[in-house]
N, C-alpha and C. Protein backbone atom coordinates (compact mmCIF):
# COMPACT_ATOMS: atom_id res chain seq x y z
N UNK A 1 110.01 93.79 104.14
CA UNK A 1 108.74 93.96 103.80
C UNK A 1 108.69 95.23 102.88
N UNK A 2 107.96 94.93 101.80
CA UNK A 2 107.80 96.02 100.71
C UNK A 2 107.11 97.10 101.15
N UNK A 3 107.33 98.30 100.63
CA UNK A 3 106.50 99.44 100.74
C UNK A 3 105.22 99.46 100.30
N UNK A 4 104.53 100.53 100.24
CA UNK A 4 103.15 100.68 99.88
C UNK A 4 103.22 101.03 98.45
N UNK A 5 104.52 101.52 97.87
CA UNK A 5 104.35 101.86 96.51
C UNK A 5 104.39 100.42 95.73
N UNK A 6 105.17 99.50 96.46
CA UNK A 6 105.34 98.08 95.67
C UNK A 6 103.89 97.53 95.80
N UNK A 7 103.06 97.68 96.79
CA UNK A 7 101.80 97.05 97.06
C UNK A 7 100.76 97.51 96.07
N UNK A 8 100.83 98.76 95.83
CA UNK A 8 100.03 99.21 94.79
C UNK A 8 100.57 99.14 93.46
N UNK A 9 101.67 99.17 93.19
CA UNK A 9 102.31 98.52 91.96
C UNK A 9 101.70 97.21 91.32
N UNK A 10 101.86 96.41 92.40
CA UNK A 10 101.61 94.93 92.29
C UNK A 10 99.81 94.91 92.20
N UNK A 11 99.28 95.73 92.69
CA UNK A 11 97.79 95.87 92.70
C UNK A 11 97.39 96.26 91.31
N UNK A 12 98.16 97.08 90.75
CA UNK A 12 97.91 97.77 89.31
C UNK A 12 98.23 96.81 88.42
N UNK A 13 99.35 96.04 88.34
CA UNK A 13 99.57 94.88 87.46
C UNK A 13 98.76 93.96 87.57
N UNK A 14 98.25 93.55 88.72
CA UNK A 14 97.39 92.40 88.73
C UNK A 14 96.05 92.63 88.16
N UNK A 15 95.46 94.00 88.40
CA UNK A 15 94.27 94.30 87.81
C UNK A 15 94.22 94.38 86.19
N UNK A 16 95.50 94.68 85.65
CA UNK A 16 95.70 94.46 84.21
C UNK A 16 95.91 93.12 83.71
N UNK A 17 96.37 92.37 84.50
CA UNK A 17 96.40 90.83 83.98
C UNK A 17 95.07 90.32 84.29
N UNK A 18 94.43 90.71 85.19
CA UNK A 18 92.86 90.02 85.64
C UNK A 18 91.94 90.53 84.56
N UNK A 19 91.91 91.76 84.04
CA UNK A 19 91.21 92.36 83.06
C UNK A 19 91.46 91.70 81.61
N UNK A 20 92.85 91.52 81.18
CA UNK A 20 92.89 90.89 80.05
C UNK A 20 92.63 89.37 79.98
N UNK A 21 92.89 88.65 81.38
CA UNK A 21 92.41 87.25 81.53
C UNK A 21 90.95 87.12 81.27
N UNK A 22 89.98 88.21 81.95
CA UNK A 22 88.64 88.05 81.51
C UNK A 22 88.31 88.43 80.28
N UNK A 23 88.85 89.42 79.50
CA UNK A 23 88.77 89.69 78.13
C UNK A 23 89.04 88.66 77.23
N UNK A 24 90.02 87.73 77.33
CA UNK A 24 90.33 86.68 76.48
C UNK A 24 89.20 85.61 76.75
N UNK A 25 88.58 85.50 77.99
CA UNK A 25 87.64 84.34 78.23
C UNK A 25 86.19 84.60 77.60
N UNK A 26 85.46 83.65 77.76
CA UNK A 26 83.97 83.74 77.34
C UNK A 26 83.09 84.82 78.34
N UNK A 27 83.53 85.01 79.46
CA UNK A 27 82.86 86.03 80.53
C UNK A 27 82.83 87.46 79.90
N UNK A 28 83.66 87.82 79.16
CA UNK A 28 83.57 89.05 78.64
C UNK A 28 82.46 89.52 77.98
N UNK A 29 81.92 88.70 77.19
CA UNK A 29 80.79 88.84 76.22
C UNK A 29 79.42 89.29 76.92
N UNK A 30 79.62 88.43 78.20
CA UNK A 30 78.29 88.73 79.17
C UNK A 30 78.19 89.87 79.83
N UNK A 31 79.69 90.56 79.97
CA UNK A 31 79.65 91.88 80.66
C UNK A 31 79.59 93.02 79.61
N UNK A 32 79.56 92.92 78.48
CA UNK A 32 79.58 93.98 77.63
C UNK A 32 78.26 94.45 76.97
N UNK A 33 77.08 94.25 77.69
CA UNK A 33 75.81 94.67 77.17
C UNK A 33 75.85 96.09 76.80
N UNK A 34 76.20 96.99 78.04
CA UNK A 34 76.04 98.50 77.99
C UNK A 34 77.39 98.98 78.28
N UNK A 35 78.07 99.38 77.20
CA UNK A 35 79.66 99.74 77.19
C UNK A 35 79.78 100.84 78.25
N UNK A 36 79.10 101.74 78.59
CA UNK A 36 79.27 102.81 79.51
C UNK A 36 79.31 102.49 80.85
N UNK A 37 78.51 101.54 81.15
CA UNK A 37 78.34 100.81 82.62
C UNK A 37 79.72 99.82 82.53
N UNK A 38 79.97 99.28 81.55
CA UNK A 38 81.12 98.10 81.56
C UNK A 38 82.35 98.90 81.73
N UNK A 39 82.70 100.12 81.46
CA UNK A 39 83.92 100.89 81.48
C UNK A 39 84.00 101.32 83.01
N UNK A 40 82.92 101.86 83.39
CA UNK A 40 82.85 102.13 84.86
C UNK A 40 83.11 101.05 85.76
N UNK A 41 82.40 99.79 85.38
CA UNK A 41 82.79 98.67 86.14
C UNK A 41 84.09 98.27 86.18
N UNK A 42 84.93 98.21 85.14
CA UNK A 42 86.30 98.00 85.26
C UNK A 42 87.29 98.80 86.02
N UNK A 43 86.72 100.13 86.09
CA UNK A 43 87.13 101.06 86.75
C UNK A 43 87.12 100.85 88.30
N UNK A 44 85.83 100.52 88.48
CA UNK A 44 85.61 99.86 90.03
C UNK A 44 86.45 98.96 90.28
N UNK A 45 86.40 97.92 89.49
CA UNK A 45 87.24 96.53 89.78
C UNK A 45 88.72 97.14 90.00
N UNK A 46 89.40 97.90 89.26
CA UNK A 46 90.81 98.40 89.45
C UNK A 46 90.84 99.09 90.84
N UNK A 47 89.94 100.02 91.00
CA UNK A 47 89.94 100.88 92.57
C UNK A 47 89.70 99.66 93.55
N UNK A 48 88.90 98.89 93.46
CA UNK A 48 88.86 97.87 94.53
C UNK A 48 90.14 97.02 94.72
N UNK A 49 90.85 96.71 93.52
CA UNK A 49 92.06 95.75 93.62
C UNK A 49 93.25 96.76 94.10
N UNK A 50 93.30 98.03 93.81
CA UNK A 50 94.43 98.77 94.34
C UNK A 50 94.14 99.18 95.85
N UNK A 51 92.95 99.35 96.34
CA UNK A 51 92.36 99.56 97.60
C UNK A 51 93.02 98.13 98.50
N UNK A 52 92.59 97.20 97.76
CA UNK A 52 92.88 95.83 98.47
C UNK A 52 94.13 95.48 98.71
N UNK A 53 95.07 96.21 97.58
CA UNK A 53 96.56 95.69 97.83
C UNK A 53 97.12 96.45 98.93
N UNK A 54 96.36 97.58 99.45
CA UNK A 54 97.20 98.29 100.64
C UNK A 54 96.16 98.16 102.04
N UNK A 55 95.13 97.53 101.68
CA UNK A 55 94.37 97.47 102.89
C UNK A 55 94.79 96.56 104.26
N UNK A 56 95.47 95.60 103.97
CA UNK A 56 95.77 94.90 105.14
C UNK A 56 96.91 95.76 105.95
N UNK A 57 97.35 96.77 105.53
CA UNK A 57 98.22 97.55 106.46
C UNK A 57 97.30 98.61 107.03
N UNK A 58 95.97 98.49 107.23
CA UNK A 58 95.20 99.36 107.85
C UNK A 58 95.56 99.28 109.41
N UNK A 59 95.95 98.07 110.02
CA UNK A 59 96.15 97.96 111.29
C UNK A 59 97.61 98.61 111.71
N UNK A 60 98.25 99.09 111.13
CA UNK A 60 99.43 99.77 111.47
C UNK A 60 99.36 101.27 111.67
N UNK A 61 99.49 101.73 112.80
CA UNK A 61 99.23 103.01 113.38
C UNK A 61 99.51 104.08 112.47
N UNK A 62 100.84 103.98 112.08
CA UNK A 62 101.46 105.11 111.27
C UNK A 62 101.04 105.13 109.87
N UNK A 63 100.40 104.22 109.37
CA UNK A 63 100.07 104.07 107.86
C UNK A 63 99.05 105.38 107.47
N UNK A 64 99.02 105.92 106.37
CA UNK A 64 98.01 106.60 105.97
C UNK A 64 96.63 106.05 105.57
N UNK A 65 96.70 104.68 105.05
CA UNK A 65 95.66 104.24 104.70
C UNK A 65 94.56 103.99 105.61
N UNK A 66 95.02 104.02 106.94
CA UNK A 66 94.20 104.06 108.05
C UNK A 66 93.35 105.33 108.04
N UNK A 67 93.72 106.44 107.91
CA UNK A 67 93.16 107.45 108.11
C UNK A 67 92.49 107.99 106.54
N UNK A 68 92.70 107.50 105.67
CA UNK A 68 92.19 107.84 104.31
C UNK A 68 91.37 106.76 103.88
N UNK A 69 91.24 105.68 104.32
CA UNK A 69 90.35 104.50 103.85
C UNK A 69 88.89 105.18 103.73
N UNK A 70 88.51 105.49 104.93
CA UNK A 70 86.99 105.77 105.11
C UNK A 70 86.39 106.90 103.91
N UNK A 71 87.17 108.14 104.10
CA UNK A 71 86.91 108.96 103.02
C UNK A 71 87.00 108.74 101.77
N UNK A 72 88.01 108.01 101.58
CA UNK A 72 87.98 107.71 100.13
C UNK A 72 87.02 106.72 99.63
N UNK A 73 86.98 105.77 100.51
CA UNK A 73 86.04 104.78 99.92
C UNK A 73 84.59 105.31 99.98
N UNK A 74 84.17 106.11 101.07
CA UNK A 74 82.96 106.79 101.05
C UNK A 74 82.71 107.90 99.85
N UNK A 75 83.64 108.52 99.33
CA UNK A 75 83.68 109.28 98.18
C UNK A 75 83.39 108.47 97.02
N UNK A 76 84.09 107.30 96.88
CA UNK A 76 84.15 106.57 95.74
C UNK A 76 82.71 105.72 95.43
N UNK A 77 82.01 105.25 96.59
CA UNK A 77 80.86 104.72 96.84
C UNK A 77 79.81 105.80 96.48
N UNK A 78 80.15 106.94 96.85
CA UNK A 78 78.84 108.20 96.77
C UNK A 78 78.76 108.49 94.96
N UNK A 79 80.25 108.76 94.62
CA UNK A 79 80.19 108.84 93.20
C UNK A 79 79.80 107.72 92.35
N UNK A 80 79.91 106.50 92.68
CA UNK A 80 79.64 105.40 91.89
C UNK A 80 78.06 105.23 91.89
N UNK A 81 77.43 105.82 93.12
CA UNK A 81 76.09 105.69 93.30
C UNK A 81 75.44 106.78 92.55
N UNK A 82 76.14 107.99 92.28
CA UNK A 82 75.66 109.16 91.39
C UNK A 82 75.63 108.66 89.90
N UNK A 83 76.64 107.92 89.46
CA UNK A 83 76.96 107.55 88.06
C UNK A 83 76.13 106.70 87.81
N UNK A 84 75.79 105.61 88.65
CA UNK A 84 74.76 104.63 88.29
C UNK A 84 73.48 105.20 87.86
N UNK A 85 73.22 106.21 88.79
CA UNK A 85 71.83 106.78 88.45
C UNK A 85 72.00 107.87 87.40
N UNK A 86 72.88 107.85 86.54
CA UNK A 86 73.04 108.88 85.53
C UNK A 86 73.00 110.31 85.75
N UNK A 87 73.46 110.70 86.91
CA UNK A 87 73.80 111.87 87.30
C UNK A 87 72.43 112.72 87.22
N UNK A 88 71.07 112.06 87.32
CA UNK A 88 69.77 112.42 87.42
C UNK A 88 69.57 112.83 88.77
N UNK A 89 69.47 114.00 89.30
CA UNK A 89 69.29 114.46 90.62
C UNK A 89 67.92 113.91 91.20
N UNK A 90 66.77 113.53 90.31
CA UNK A 90 65.66 113.15 90.68
C UNK A 90 65.44 111.75 91.24
N UNK A 91 66.54 111.12 90.87
CA UNK A 91 66.72 109.61 91.17
C UNK A 91 67.79 109.51 92.51
N UNK A 92 68.42 110.46 92.84
CA UNK A 92 69.43 110.50 93.74
C UNK A 92 69.02 110.85 95.02
N UNK A 93 69.23 109.90 96.07
CA UNK A 93 68.47 110.32 97.41
C UNK A 93 69.62 111.00 98.47
N UNK A 94 69.51 112.35 98.51
CA UNK A 94 70.63 113.02 99.12
C UNK A 94 70.96 112.25 100.48
N UNK A 95 69.76 111.88 101.52
CA UNK A 95 69.77 111.25 102.65
C UNK A 95 70.82 110.21 102.62
N UNK A 96 70.66 109.28 101.29
CA UNK A 96 71.77 108.29 101.37
C UNK A 96 73.02 108.65 101.18
N UNK A 97 73.40 109.64 100.27
CA UNK A 97 74.66 110.12 100.26
C UNK A 97 75.36 110.59 101.52
N UNK A 98 74.45 111.50 102.28
CA UNK A 98 74.98 111.91 103.51
C UNK A 98 75.25 110.77 104.40
N UNK A 99 74.48 109.72 104.62
CA UNK A 99 74.78 108.64 105.26
C UNK A 99 75.77 107.79 105.11
N UNK A 100 76.01 107.52 103.64
CA UNK A 100 77.24 106.74 103.36
C UNK A 100 78.53 107.50 103.66
N UNK A 101 78.46 108.93 103.32
CA UNK A 101 79.89 109.82 103.73
C UNK A 101 79.99 109.62 105.42
N UNK A 102 78.90 109.94 106.04
CA UNK A 102 79.28 109.73 107.55
C UNK A 102 79.50 108.44 108.02
N UNK A 103 79.39 107.28 107.33
CA UNK A 103 79.65 106.12 108.00
C UNK A 103 80.93 105.80 107.62
N UNK A 104 81.29 106.19 106.37
CA UNK A 104 82.78 105.77 106.04
C UNK A 104 83.71 106.77 106.63
N UNK A 105 83.28 108.00 107.02
CA UNK A 105 84.38 108.99 107.71
C UNK A 105 84.42 108.48 109.19
N UNK A 106 83.47 107.80 109.68
CA UNK A 106 83.46 107.03 110.95
C UNK A 106 84.25 105.72 110.99
N UNK A 107 84.60 105.34 109.86
CA UNK A 107 85.14 103.89 109.82
C UNK A 107 86.56 103.78 110.55
N UNK A 108 87.35 104.84 110.45
CA UNK A 108 88.65 104.70 111.09
C UNK A 108 88.47 104.88 112.66
N UNK A 109 87.61 105.64 113.12
CA UNK A 109 87.38 105.95 114.58
C UNK A 109 86.66 104.64 115.18
N UNK A 110 85.76 103.87 114.51
CA UNK A 110 85.24 102.89 115.10
C UNK A 110 86.06 101.92 114.91
N UNK A 111 86.84 101.72 113.83
CA UNK A 111 88.00 100.52 113.76
C UNK A 111 88.88 100.58 114.73
N UNK A 112 89.24 101.62 115.42
CA UNK A 112 90.06 101.77 116.22
C UNK A 112 89.72 101.33 117.73
N UNK A 113 88.42 101.29 117.87
CA UNK A 113 87.90 100.47 119.05
C UNK A 113 87.72 99.17 119.07
N UNK A 114 87.20 98.80 117.61
CA UNK A 114 87.06 97.23 117.49
C UNK A 114 88.21 96.60 117.00
N UNK A 115 89.01 97.06 116.37
CA UNK A 115 90.21 96.20 115.89
C UNK A 115 91.40 96.51 116.67
N UNK A 116 91.95 95.82 117.34
CA UNK A 116 93.26 96.03 117.92
C UNK A 116 94.32 96.31 117.00
N UNK A 117 94.95 97.59 117.08
CA UNK A 117 95.89 97.70 116.07
C UNK A 117 97.25 97.48 116.51
N UNK A 118 97.66 96.08 115.73
CA UNK A 118 98.97 95.66 115.78
C UNK A 118 99.33 95.31 114.54
N UNK A 119 100.48 95.79 114.11
CA UNK A 119 100.95 95.56 112.86
C UNK A 119 101.09 93.89 112.37
N UNK A 120 100.67 93.55 111.47
CA UNK A 120 100.53 92.15 110.84
C UNK A 120 99.72 91.36 111.83
N UNK A 121 98.58 91.79 112.40
CA UNK A 121 97.55 91.36 113.35
C UNK A 121 96.61 90.66 112.66
N UNK A 122 95.36 90.84 112.90
CA UNK A 122 94.25 89.98 112.41
C UNK A 122 93.84 90.38 110.77
N UNK A 123 94.30 91.60 110.44
CA UNK A 123 94.13 92.07 109.13
C UNK A 123 95.12 91.55 107.92
N UNK A 124 96.00 90.82 108.75
CA UNK A 124 96.95 90.11 107.77
C UNK A 124 96.87 88.60 107.65
N UNK A 125 95.54 88.31 107.11
CA UNK A 125 95.07 86.89 107.32
C UNK A 125 94.12 86.69 106.15
N UNK A 126 93.95 85.46 105.63
CA UNK A 126 93.37 85.17 104.66
C UNK A 126 91.80 85.33 105.03
N UNK A 127 91.49 85.21 106.12
CA UNK A 127 90.01 85.32 106.58
C UNK A 127 89.56 86.96 106.31
N UNK A 128 90.79 87.70 106.74
CA UNK A 128 90.06 89.08 106.49
C UNK A 128 90.08 89.44 105.02
N UNK A 129 90.91 88.82 104.20
CA UNK A 129 91.01 89.00 102.82
C UNK A 129 89.25 88.55 102.34
N UNK A 130 89.11 87.17 102.74
CA UNK A 130 87.65 86.79 102.38
C UNK A 130 86.58 87.76 102.74
N UNK A 131 86.72 88.17 104.19
CA UNK A 131 85.68 89.30 104.55
C UNK A 131 85.72 90.45 103.73
N UNK A 132 86.93 90.98 103.41
CA UNK A 132 86.93 92.16 102.31
C UNK A 132 86.02 91.81 100.87
N UNK A 133 86.45 90.73 100.51
CA UNK A 133 85.63 90.32 99.09
C UNK A 133 84.28 90.24 99.39
N UNK A 134 83.90 89.60 100.25
CA UNK A 134 82.41 89.57 100.68
C UNK A 134 81.67 90.86 100.88
N UNK A 135 82.46 91.84 101.66
CA UNK A 135 81.99 93.32 101.83
C UNK A 135 81.84 93.79 100.45
N UNK A 136 82.80 93.60 99.59
CA UNK A 136 82.86 94.28 98.30
C UNK A 136 81.71 93.84 97.41
N UNK A 137 81.29 92.52 97.45
CA UNK A 137 80.34 91.87 96.92
C UNK A 137 79.00 92.55 97.19
N UNK A 138 78.89 92.50 98.63
CA UNK A 138 77.81 93.10 99.05
C UNK A 138 77.43 94.50 98.60
N UNK A 139 78.55 95.32 98.79
CA UNK A 139 78.26 96.78 98.20
C UNK A 139 77.93 96.74 96.87
N UNK A 140 78.35 95.62 95.91
CA UNK A 140 78.07 95.73 94.82
C UNK A 140 76.69 95.33 94.29
N UNK A 141 76.02 94.43 95.03
CA UNK A 141 74.62 94.13 94.95
C UNK A 141 73.91 94.97 95.61
N UNK A 142 74.13 95.58 96.79
CA UNK A 142 73.10 96.27 97.51
C UNK A 142 73.02 97.71 96.85
N UNK A 143 74.11 98.44 96.49
CA UNK A 143 74.21 99.78 96.27
C UNK A 143 74.02 100.01 94.71
N UNK A 144 75.06 99.35 93.90
CA UNK A 144 75.09 99.30 92.74
C UNK A 144 74.06 98.55 91.69
N UNK A 145 73.55 97.80 92.64
CA UNK A 145 72.48 96.71 91.74
C UNK A 145 73.08 95.76 90.61
N UNK A 146 74.33 95.54 90.87
CA UNK A 146 75.01 94.40 90.27
C UNK A 146 74.55 93.11 90.14
N UNK A 147 74.54 92.52 88.94
CA UNK A 147 74.07 91.13 88.78
C UNK A 147 75.32 90.18 89.83
N UNK A 148 74.79 88.93 90.01
CA UNK A 148 76.03 88.23 90.88
C UNK A 148 77.13 87.96 90.21
N UNK A 149 77.16 88.01 88.89
CA UNK A 149 78.46 87.69 88.06
C UNK A 149 79.38 88.80 88.46
N UNK A 150 78.79 90.30 88.34
CA UNK A 150 79.58 91.42 88.55
C UNK A 150 79.98 91.40 89.82
N UNK A 151 79.20 91.31 90.72
CA UNK A 151 79.44 91.06 92.12
C UNK A 151 80.64 90.29 92.64
N UNK A 152 80.57 89.19 91.83
CA UNK A 152 81.57 87.98 92.13
C UNK A 152 83.01 88.50 91.71
N UNK A 153 82.91 89.22 90.38
CA UNK A 153 84.11 89.67 89.71
C UNK A 153 84.83 90.71 90.66
N UNK A 154 83.80 91.62 91.31
CA UNK A 154 84.58 92.73 92.16
C UNK A 154 85.08 91.95 93.14
N UNK A 155 84.43 90.89 93.92
CA UNK A 155 84.90 90.21 95.02
C UNK A 155 86.17 89.65 94.57
N UNK A 156 86.43 88.90 93.34
CA UNK A 156 87.71 88.25 93.05
C UNK A 156 88.81 89.14 93.03
N UNK A 157 88.32 90.20 92.23
CA UNK A 157 89.55 91.62 92.35
C UNK A 157 90.04 91.94 93.63
N UNK A 158 89.16 91.99 94.64
CA UNK A 158 89.32 92.61 95.95
C UNK A 158 90.32 91.47 96.58
N UNK A 159 89.69 90.32 96.63
CA UNK A 159 90.52 89.03 97.10
C UNK A 159 91.84 89.01 96.75
N UNK A 160 91.88 89.01 95.41
CA UNK A 160 93.09 88.65 94.82
C UNK A 160 94.20 89.46 95.24
N UNK A 161 93.83 90.89 95.00
CA UNK A 161 94.88 91.77 95.33
C UNK A 161 95.25 91.73 96.84
N UNK A 162 94.24 91.74 97.86
CA UNK A 162 94.54 91.50 99.25
C UNK A 162 95.38 90.28 99.53
N UNK A 163 95.12 89.17 98.75
CA UNK A 163 96.08 87.90 98.89
C UNK A 163 97.38 88.11 98.53
N UNK A 164 97.56 88.69 97.34
CA UNK A 164 98.94 89.33 96.99
C UNK A 164 99.70 90.00 97.99
N UNK A 165 99.04 90.92 98.53
CA UNK A 165 99.65 91.73 99.48
C UNK A 165 100.11 90.90 100.80
N UNK A 166 99.36 89.99 100.99
CA UNK A 166 99.79 89.04 102.18
C UNK A 166 101.03 88.21 101.70
N UNK A 167 100.90 87.88 100.36
CA UNK A 167 102.03 86.93 99.66
C UNK A 167 103.28 87.71 99.67
N UNK A 168 103.40 88.98 99.35
CA UNK A 168 104.58 89.79 99.61
C UNK A 168 105.08 89.93 100.74
N UNK A 169 104.10 90.11 102.02
CA UNK A 169 104.64 90.25 103.28
C UNK A 169 104.92 89.05 103.73
N UNK A 170 104.93 87.82 103.03
CA UNK A 170 104.96 86.59 103.43
C UNK A 170 104.20 86.20 104.90
N UNK A 171 102.99 86.69 104.91
CA UNK A 171 102.21 86.51 105.98
C UNK A 171 100.95 85.86 105.46
N UNK A 172 100.88 84.49 105.39
CA UNK A 172 99.65 83.65 105.01
C UNK A 172 99.28 82.92 106.37
N UNK A 173 98.42 83.52 107.09
CA UNK A 173 97.83 82.94 108.06
C UNK A 173 96.38 82.82 108.03
N UNK A 174 95.73 81.90 108.39
CA UNK A 174 94.14 81.66 108.07
C UNK A 174 93.39 82.69 108.88
N UNK A 175 93.91 82.99 110.16
CA UNK A 175 92.94 83.98 111.01
C UNK A 175 93.81 84.86 111.74
């Protein structure tokens, strides 16, 4: 079974290949209307892909991803929200930021009660990869106000990296 370093490396390589594939397709032109948002969007895609490449190991009790997932994702969502609002404090709702951080800080605790932690359990499945992709697309639409195409691309990056983790672990079960 590959280590977390291999999973992250594959996530980074996969991200580069997917961005290159989108760059060489006709889809790139529809996403390049505002270069500032576009570059940050590709950073978000890379972050989602790298996170998805280690997320299936969330169910393993000794992994650091289980303890770091909530705070890292909460900080990323909060920073992205501030960035999308152009760092203008008048547009930023502090209650929203506090709520997001609290929710994501509680994710590991809540998940400990909801998800039975057995390594290669329910999180090592294609349905969990699909759920991750849908959650990422939902965050993209609701918080960052992305168009459906951008949210779909985020979901594609998330699903693909999660799926490749399952391939590397040779665990391709549906549920």
